[in-house]
Amino acid sequence: MRRTLNVIRLQLINRQTFIWVPLIVLGSAVVISVLIYAMIPLDGPKYGGGGQAPLWYFFAIGISAMTLTFPFSQAMSITRRDFFVGTLATAVLGSALLSLVFLLGGAIELATNGYGVNGYVFHLPWLWEAGPLGAFVVFFSLSLFLFVLGFTGATIYKSGGPVVLTIVGVGLALVLLALVFLVTRLELWLTVGRAIGDLGALGLALWGLAIVAVLTVISFLAFRKATP
């Protein structure tokens, strides 16, 4: 545990990466969204996706955690296992913190009638249909998924190089294309839509955590051959 905490402190040496930049991106997205809402001449509630901006930034954090911090950790004689566990623990903590900020933002929107313009960035009905705890899981799953996705891609790059990463990317694109073709050919889009509606945001988030677990295993296997 002590070695894991040392890796967490290593990742957080530059707090701008995990804390200040995501908060600045989020705050800017909120301000811009509210200004846009204020210009829309409608009395009904207005919803936007500006709140997802810092979630995508977690993808970049996942990449930099591997490409920038990993070589430095090897120079400090940190074992690969400790670095891997500590980095994922940092991602979990960062995702949880960002999710709490999203919950606070949703509470502020409800208390202020959408910042006085009936506009909402955080409290999107479909994401909050399972309550605050469900919304927390949704936000947590999204941010952690994007971090692990970026980290896994960077790990594959470090272990196999750009050719292997390109082959993996093309392979995933072909698999997705095959699934779309199969669903279209069998005329299953209505069934798929109903299944997604039945799952809801919370159900999809739980499936997202399952995908995170799979990506974690893949990245761990590739991480053993990664070069600093």
C-alpha atoms as a PDB file:
ATOM      1  CA  MET A   1       0.000   0.000   0.000  1.00  0.00           C
ATOM      2  CA  ARG A   2       2.830   2.406   0.802  1.00  0.00           C
ATOM      3  CA  ARG A   3       4.383   1.862  -2.631  1.00  0.00           C
ATOM      4  CA  THR A   4       0.993   2.385  -4.281  1.00  0.00           C
ATOM      5  CA  LEU A   5       0.551   5.647  -2.403  1.00  0.00           C
ATOM      6  CA  ASN A   6       4.003   6.740  -3.576  1.00  0.00           C
ATOM      7  CA  VAL A   7       2.916   6.201  -7.190  1.00  0.00           C
ATOM      8  CA  ILE A   8      -0.254   8.208  -6.555  1.00  0.00           C
ATOM      9  CA  ARG A   9       1.850  11.050  -5.186  1.00  0.00           C
ATOM     10  CA  LEU A  10       4.116  10.738  -8.224  1.00  0.00           C
ATOM     11  CA  GLN A  11       1.159  11.092 -10.592  1.00  0.00           C
ATOM     12  CA  LEU A  12      -0.112  14.077  -8.607  1.00  0.00           C
ATOM     13  CA  ILE A  13       3.182  15.958  -8.502  1.00  0.00           C
ATOM     14  CA  ASN A  14       1.819  18.081 -11.331  1.00  0.00           C
ATOM     15  CA  ARG A  15      -1.653  18.780  -9.937  1.00  0.00           C
ATOM     16  CA  GLN A  16      -2.540  20.753 -13.041  1.00  0.00           C
ATOM     17  CA  THR A  17      -2.951  17.502 -14.969  1.00  0.00           C
ATOM     18  CA  PHE A  18      -5.414  15.723 -12.694  1.00  0.00           C
ATOM     19  CA  ILE A  19      -7.082  18.620 -10.874  1.00  0.00           C
ATOM     20  CA  TRP A  20      -6.771  22.172 -12.152  1.00  0.00           C
ATOM     21  CA  VAL A  21      -6.958  21.665 -15.903  1.00  0.00           C
ATOM     22  CA  PRO A  22     -10.107  19.471 -15.710  1.00  0.00           C
ATOM     23  CA  LEU A  23     -11.741  22.023 -13.392  1.00  0.00           C
ATOM     24  CA  ILE A  24     -10.794  24.912 -15.697  1.00  0.00           C
ATOM     25  CA  VAL A  25     -12.163  23.019 -18.713  1.00  0.00           C
ATOM     26  CA  LEU A  26     -15.364  22.228 -16.809  1.00  0.00           C
ATOM     27  CA  GLY A  27     -15.816  25.786 -15.543  1.00  0.00           C
ATOM     28  CA  SER A  28     -15.273  27.210 -19.026  1.00  0.00           C
ATOM     29  CA  ALA A  29     -17.772  24.749 -20.510  1.00  0.00           C
ATOM     30  CA  VAL A  30     -20.381  25.787 -17.924  1.00  0.00           C
ATOM     31  CA  VAL A  31     -19.880  29.522 -18.527  1.00  0.00           C
ATOM     32  CA  ILE A  32     -20.070  29.122 -22.317  1.00  0.00           C
ATOM     33  CA  SER A  33     -23.139  26.885 -22.030  1.00  0.00           C
ATOM     34  CA  VAL A  34     -24.967  29.334 -19.766  1.00  0.00           C
ATOM     35  CA  LEU A  35     -24.215  32.229 -22.122  1.00  0.00           C
ATOM     36  CA  ILE A  36     -25.626  30.197 -25.026  1.00  0.00           C
ATOM     37  CA  TYR A  37     -28.698  29.244 -22.993  1.00  0.00           C
ATOM     38  CA  ALA A  38     -29.301  32.911 -22.179  1.00  0.00           C
ATOM     39  CA  MET A  39     -29.419  33.738 -25.891  1.00  0.00           C
ATOM     40  CA  ILE A  40     -32.042  31.083 -26.689  1.00  0.00           C
ATOM     41  CA  PRO A  41     -35.520  32.681 -26.577  1.00  0.00           C
ATOM     42  CA  LEU A  42     -37.324  29.684 -25.062  1.00  0.00           C
ATOM     43  CA  ASP A  43     -39.068  29.352 -21.718  1.00  0.00           C
ATOM     44  CA  GLY A  44     -38.706  25.572 -21.449  1.00  0.00           C
ATOM     45  CA  PRO A  45     -35.683  23.784 -20.000  1.00  0.00           C
ATOM     46  CA  LYS A  46     -32.560  23.800 -22.145  1.00  0.00           C
ATOM     47  CA  TYR A  47     -30.038  20.983 -22.063  1.00  0.00           C
ATOM     48  CA  GLY A  48     -26.519  20.746 -23.466  1.00  0.00           C
ATOM     49  CA  GLY A  49     -23.521  18.453 -23.482  1.00  0.00           C
ATOM     50  CA  GLY A  50     -20.874  20.926 -22.418  1.00  0.00           C
ATOM     51  CA  GLY A  51     -20.317  19.034 -19.187  1.00  0.00           C
ATOM     52  CA  GLN A  52     -18.689  16.164 -21.051  1.00  0.00           C
ATOM     53  CA  ALA A  53     -15.662  18.300 -21.966  1.00  0.00           C
ATOM     54  CA  PRO A  54     -13.495  17.322 -18.948  1.00  0.00           C
ATOM     55  CA  LEU A  55     -14.485  13.668 -19.410  1.00  0.00           C
ATOM     56  CA  TRP A  56     -12.748  13.629 -22.792  1.00  0.00           C
ATOM     57  CA  TYR A  57      -9.731  15.260 -21.188  1.00  0.00           C
ATOM     58  CA  PHE A  58      -9.379  12.130 -19.065  1.00  0.00           C
ATOM     59  CA  PHE A  59      -8.559  10.288 -22.291  1.00  0.00           C
ATOM     60  CA  ALA A  60      -5.529  12.552 -22.719  1.00  0.00           C
ATOM     61  CA  ILE A  61      -4.597  12.089 -19.052  1.00  0.00           C
ATOM     62  CA  GLY A  62      -4.600   8.319 -19.552  1.00  0.00           C
ATOM     63  CA  ILE A  63      -2.189   8.688 -22.452  1.00  0.00           C
ATOM     64  CA  SER A  64       0.160  11.055 -20.621  1.00  0.00           C
ATOM     65  CA  ALA A  65       0.151   8.904 -17.466  1.00  0.00           C
ATOM     66  CA  MET A  66       1.772   6.160 -19.530  1.00  0.00           C
ATOM     67  CA  THR A  67       3.906   8.032 -22.052  1.00  0.00           C
ATOM     68  CA  LEU A  68       5.261  10.746 -19.738  1.00  0.00           C
ATOM     69  CA  THR A  69       5.204   9.400 -16.176  1.00  0.00           C
ATOM     70  CA  PHE A  70       6.107   5.756 -16.796  1.00  0.00           C
ATOM     71  CA  PRO A  71       9.685   6.440 -18.047  1.00  0.00           C
ATOM     72  CA  PHE A  72      10.263   8.719 -15.051  1.00  0.00           C
ATOM     73  CA  SER A  73       8.997   6.021 -12.664  1.00  0.00           C
ATOM     74  CA  GLN A  74      11.456   3.480 -14.066  1.00  0.00           C
ATOM     75  CA  ALA A  75      14.303   5.880 -13.409  1.00  0.00           C
ATOM     76  CA  MET A  76      13.141   5.926  -9.765  1.00  0.00           C
ATOM     77  CA  SER A  77      13.201   2.100  -9.602  1.00  0.00           C
ATOM     78  CA  ILE A  78       9.440   1.780  -9.158  1.00  0.00           C
ATOM     79  CA  THR A  79       8.257  -1.693 -10.112  1.00  0.00           C
ATOM     80  CA  ARG A  80       5.887  -2.079 -13.029  1.00  0.00           C
ATOM     81  CA  ARG A  81       3.225  -3.645 -10.838  1.00  0.00           C
ATOM     82  CA  ASP A  82       3.323  -0.776  -8.345  1.00  0.00           C
ATOM     83  CA  PHE A  83       3.191   1.794 -11.141  1.00  0.00           C
ATOM     84  CA  PHE A  84       0.239   0.056 -12.807  1.00  0.00           C
ATOM     85  CA  VAL A  85      -1.786  -0.284  -9.602  1.00  0.00           C
ATOM     86  CA  GLY A  86      -0.930   3.208  -8.387  1.00  0.00           C
ATOM     87  CA  THR A  87      -1.818   4.805 -11.721  1.00  0.00           C
ATOM     88  CA  LEU A  88      -5.212   3.089 -11.840  1.00  0.00           C
ATOM     89  CA  ALA A  89      -5.827   4.084  -8.225  1.00  0.00           C
ATOM     90  CA  THR A  90      -5.084   7.691  -9.187  1.00  0.00           C
ATOM     91  CA  ALA A  91      -7.555   7.393 -12.063  1.00  0.00           C
ATOM     92  CA  VAL A  92     -10.225   6.057  -9.704  1.00  0.00           C
ATOM     93  CA  LEU A  93      -9.661   8.920  -7.267  1.00  0.00           C
ATOM     94  CA  GLY A  94      -9.700  11.518 -10.048  1.00  0.00           C
ATOM     95  CA  SER A  95     -12.873  10.064 -11.560  1.00  0.00           C
ATOM     96  CA  ALA A  96     -14.582  10.013  -8.165  1.00  0.00           C
ATOM     97  CA  LEU A  97     -13.615  13.641  -7.504  1.00  0.00           C
ATOM     98  CA  LEU A  98     -14.897  14.764 -10.892  1.00  0.00           C
ATOM     99  CA  SER A  99     -18.143  12.828 -10.343  1.00  0.00           C
ATOM    100  CA  LEU A 100     -18.675  14.622  -7.029  1.00  0.00           C
ATOM    101  CA  VAL A 101     -18.158  17.944  -8.815  1.00  0.00           C
ATOM    102  CA  PHE A 102     -20.825  16.896 -11.333  1.00  0.00           C
ATOM    103  CA  LEU A 103     -23.243  16.074  -8.502  1.00  0.00           C
ATOM    104  CA  LEU A 104     -22.562  19.461  -6.903  1.00  0.00           C
ATOM    105  CA  GLY A 105     -23.159  21.143 -10.257  1.00  0.00           C
ATOM    106  CA  GLY A 106     -26.479  19.336 -10.628  1.00  0.00           C
ATOM    107  CA  ALA A 107     -27.559  20.458  -7.162  1.00  0.00           C
ATOM    108  CA  ILE A 108     -26.642  24.065  -7.967  1.00  0.00           C
ATOM    109  CA  GLU A 109     -28.667  23.909 -11.197  1.00  0.00           C
ATOM    110  CA  LEU A 110     -31.745  22.661  -9.351  1.00  0.00           C
ATOM    111  CA  ALA A 111     -31.371  25.304  -6.648  1.00  0.00           C
ATOM    112  CA  THR A 112     -30.945  28.177  -9.135  1.00  0.00           C
ATOM    113  CA  ASN A 113     -33.476  27.080 -11.760  1.00  0.00           C
ATOM    114  CA  GLY A 114     -30.726  26.367 -14.236  1.00  0.00           C
ATOM    115  CA  TYR A 115     -28.555  29.405 -13.406  1.00  0.00           C
ATOM    116  CA  GLY A 116     -31.618  31.607 -13.786  1.00  0.00           C
ATOM    117  CA  VAL A 117     -32.002  30.805 -17.495  1.00  0.00           C
ATOM    118  CA  ASN A 118     -33.513  27.311 -17.134  1.00  0.00           C
ATOM    119  CA  GLY A 119     -30.394  25.783 -18.673  1.00  0.00           C
ATOM    120  CA  TYR A 120     -28.764  22.573 -17.496  1.00  0.00           C
ATOM    121  CA  VAL A 121     -25.257  21.236 -18.009  1.00  0.00           C
ATOM    122  CA  PHE A 122     -25.066  18.595 -15.272  1.00  0.00           C
ATOM    123  CA  HIS A 123     -28.637  17.694 -14.344  1.00  0.00           C
ATOM    124  CA  LEU A 124     -29.639  15.929 -17.542  1.00  0.00           C
ATOM    125  CA  PRO A 125     -32.872  13.952 -16.872  1.00  0.00           C
ATOM    126  CA  TRP A 126     -31.778  10.696 -18.532  1.00  0.00           C
ATOM    127  CA  LEU A 127     -28.525  10.607 -16.549  1.00  0.00           C
ATOM    128  CA  TRP A 128     -30.247  11.389 -13.249  1.00  0.00           C
ATOM    129  CA  GLU A 129     -33.238   9.064 -13.602  1.00  0.00           C
ATOM    130  CA  ALA A 130     -31.705   6.668 -11.048  1.00  0.00           C
ATOM    131  CA  GLY A 131     -31.079   9.475  -8.539  1.00  0.00           C
ATOM    132  CA  PRO A 132     -27.851  11.117  -7.350  1.00  0.00           C
ATOM    133  CA  LEU A 133     -26.104   7.809  -6.667  1.00  0.00           C
ATOM    134  CA  GLY A 134     -26.975   6.557 -10.138  1.00  0.00           C
ATOM    135  CA  ALA A 135     -25.722   9.819 -11.659  1.00  0.00           C
ATOM    136  CA  PHE A 136     -22.470   9.452  -9.715  1.00  0.00           C
ATOM    137  CA  VAL A 137     -21.955   5.963 -11.156  1.00  0.00           C
ATOM    138  CA  VAL A 138     -22.644   7.263 -14.683  1.00  0.00           C
ATOM    139  CA  PHE A 139     -20.149  10.116 -14.433  1.00  0.00           C
ATOM    140  CA  PHE A 140     -17.588   7.899 -12.687  1.00  0.00           C
ATOM    141  CA  SER A 141     -17.893   5.167 -15.306  1.00  0.00           C
ATOM    142  CA  LEU A 142     -17.497   7.599 -18.219  1.00  0.00           C
ATOM    143  CA  SER A 143     -14.412   9.345 -16.855  1.00  0.00           C
ATOM    144  CA  LEU A 144     -12.717   6.116 -15.765  1.00  0.00           C
ATOM    145  CA  PHE A 145     -13.517   4.433 -19.092  1.00  0.00           C
ATOM    146  CA  LEU A 146     -11.917   7.249 -21.090  1.00  0.00           C
ATOM    147  CA  PHE A 147      -8.840   7.264 -18.854  1.00  0.00           C
ATOM    148  CA  VAL A 148      -8.346   3.501 -19.147  1.00  0.00           C
ATOM    149  CA  LEU A 149      -8.985   3.673 -22.899  1.00  0.00           C
ATOM    150  CA  GLY A 150      -6.223   6.254 -23.332  1.00  0.00           C
ATOM    151  CA  PHE A 151      -3.918   4.374 -20.956  1.00  0.00           C
ATOM    152  CA  THR A 152      -4.484   1.080 -22.788  1.00  0.00           C
ATOM    153  CA  GLY A 153      -3.812   2.656 -26.172  1.00  0.00           C
ATOM    154  CA  ALA A 154      -0.601   4.216 -24.898  1.00  0.00           C
ATOM    155  CA  THR A 155       0.437   0.903 -23.330  1.00  0.00           C
ATOM    156  CA  ILE A 156      -0.072  -0.950 -26.616  1.00  0.00           C
ATOM    157  CA  TYR A 157       1.969   1.753 -28.351  1.00  0.00           C
ATOM    158  CA  LYS A 158       4.788   1.422 -25.808  1.00  0.00           C
ATOM    159  CA  SER A 159       4.827  -2.374 -26.049  1.00  0.00           C
ATOM    160  CA  GLY A 160       4.271  -2.937 -29.777  1.00  0.00           C
ATOM    161  CA  GLY A 161       4.890   0.360 -31.486  1.00  0.00           C
ATOM    162  CA  PRO A 162       2.732   2.366 -33.905  1.00  0.00           C
ATOM    163  CA  VAL A 163       2.194  -0.562 -36.293  1.00  0.00           C
ATOM    164  CA  VAL A 164       0.611  -2.768 -33.634  1.00  0.00           C
ATOM    165  CA  LEU A 165      -1.498   0.119 -32.331  1.00  0.00           C
ATOM    166  CA  THR A 166      -2.714   0.849 -35.854  1.00  0.00           C
ATOM    167  CA  ILE A 167      -3.574  -2.811 -36.453  1.00  0.00           C
ATOM    168  CA  VAL A 168      -5.528  -2.956 -33.195  1.00  0.00           C
ATOM    169  CA  GLY A 169      -7.406   0.241 -34.072  1.00  0.00           C
ATOM    170  CA  VAL A 170      -8.286  -0.985 -37.552  1.00  0.00           C
ATOM    171  CA  GLY A 171      -9.340  -4.353 -36.133  1.00  0.00           C
ATOM    172  CA  LEU A 172     -11.687  -2.718 -33.628  1.00  0.00           C
ATOM    173  CA  ALA A 173     -13.168  -0.541 -36.382  1.00  0.00           C
ATOM    174  CA  LEU A 174     -13.823  -3.632 -38.516  1.00  0.00           C
ATOM    175  CA  VAL A 175     -15.477  -5.430 -35.601  1.00  0.00           C
ATOM    176  CA  LEU A 176     -17.775  -2.458 -34.958  1.00  0.00           C
ATOM    177  CA  LEU A 177     -18.577  -2.244 -38.661  1.00  0.00           C
ATOM    178  CA  ALA A 178     -19.422  -5.958 -38.715  1.00  0.00           C
ATOM    179  CA  LEU A 179     -21.765  -5.519 -35.739  1.00  0.00           C
ATOM    180  CA  VAL A 180     -23.515  -2.583 -37.422  1.00  0.00           C
ATOM    181  CA  PHE A 181     -23.879  -4.609 -40.618  1.00  0.00           C
ATOM    182  CA  LEU A 182     -25.287  -7.588 -38.709  1.00  0.00           C
ATOM    183  CA  VAL A 183     -27.823  -5.508 -36.786  1.00  0.00           C
ATOM    184  CA  THR A 184     -28.862  -3.702 -39.972  1.00  0.00           C
ATOM    185  CA  ARG A 185     -29.122  -6.899 -42.006  1.00  0.00           C
ATOM    186  CA  LEU A 186     -31.258  -8.605 -39.348  1.00  0.00           C
ATOM    187  CA  GLU A 187     -33.318  -5.430 -38.800  1.00  0.00           C
ATOM    188  CA  LEU A 188     -32.585  -5.393 -35.082  1.00  0.00           C
ATOM    189  CA  TRP A 189     -32.179  -1.642 -34.556  1.00  0.00           C
ATOM    190  CA  LEU A 190     -35.593  -1.360 -32.887  1.00  0.00           C
ATOM    191  CA  THR A 191     -34.688  -4.190 -30.523  1.00  0.00           C
ATOM    192  CA  VAL A 192     -31.320  -2.612 -29.769  1.00  0.00           C
ATOM    193  CA  GLY A 193     -32.980   0.744 -29.088  1.00  0.00           C
ATOM    194  CA  ARG A 194     -35.453  -0.863 -26.695  1.00  0.00           C
ATOM    195  CA  ALA A 195     -32.657  -2.724 -24.901  1.00  0.00           C
ATOM    196  CA  ILE A 196     -30.715   0.512 -24.429  1.00  0.00           C
ATOM    197  CA  GLY A 197     -33.856   2.255 -23.172  1.00  0.00           C
ATOM    198  CA  ASP A 198     -34.525  -0.570 -20.709  1.00  0.00           C
ATOM    199  CA  LEU A 199     -30.980  -0.465 -19.398  1.00  0.00           C
ATOM    200  CA  GLY A 200     -31.036   3.282 -18.895  1.00  0.00           C
ATOM    201  CA  ALA A 201     -27.988   5.381 -18.151  1.00  0.00           C
ATOM    202  CA  LEU A 202     -27.154   3.448 -14.984  1.00  0.00           C
ATOM    203  CA  GLY A 203     -27.316   0.076 -16.724  1.00  0.00           C
ATOM    204  CA  LEU A 204     -25.083   1.309 -19.532  1.00  0.00           C
ATOM    205  CA  ALA A 205     -22.658   2.721 -16.955  1.00  0.00           C
ATOM    206  CA  LEU A 206     -22.411  -0.654 -15.226  1.00  0.00           C
ATOM    207  CA  TRP A 207     -21.665  -2.297 -18.578  1.00  0.00           C
ATOM    208  CA  GLY A 208     -19.084   0.441 -19.062  1.00  0.00           C
ATOM    209  CA  LEU A 209     -17.371  -0.615 -15.834  1.00  0.00           C
ATOM    210  CA  ALA A 210     -17.281  -4.183 -17.154  1.00  0.00           C
ATOM    211  CA  ILE A 211     -15.542  -2.906 -20.297  1.00  0.00           C
ATOM    212  CA  VAL A 212     -13.119  -0.995 -18.068  1.00  0.00           C
ATOM    213  CA  ALA A 213     -12.242  -4.275 -16.343  1.00  0.00           C
ATOM    214  CA  VAL A 214     -11.555  -5.928 -19.711  1.00  0.00           C
ATOM    215  CA  LEU A 215      -9.397  -2.999 -20.872  1.00  0.00           C
ATOM    216  CA  THR A 216      -7.499  -3.130 -17.579  1.00  0.00           C
ATOM    217  CA  VAL A 217      -6.594  -6.778 -18.162  1.00  0.00           C
ATOM    218  CA  ILE A 218      -5.514  -6.014 -21.741  1.00  0.00           C
ATOM    219  CA  SER A 219      -3.387  -3.070 -20.659  1.00  0.00           C
ATOM    220  CA  PHE A 220      -1.795  -5.116 -17.859  1.00  0.00           C
ATOM    221  CA  LEU A 221      -0.805  -7.865 -20.299  1.00  0.00           C
ATOM    222  CA  ALA A 222       0.652  -5.317 -22.724  1.00  0.00           C
ATOM    223  CA  PHE A 223       2.279  -3.346 -19.898  1.00  0.00           C
ATOM    224  CA  ARG A 224       4.674  -6.201 -19.089  1.00  0.00           C
ATOM    225  CA  LYS A 225       6.403  -5.659 -22.448  1.00  0.00           C
ATOM    226  CA  ALA A 226       6.199  -1.878 -22.497  1.00  0.00           C
ATOM    227  CA  THR A 227       9.473  -0.017 -22.925  1.00  0.00           C
ATOM    228  CA  PRO A 228      10.044   3.326 -21.132  1.00  0.00           C
END
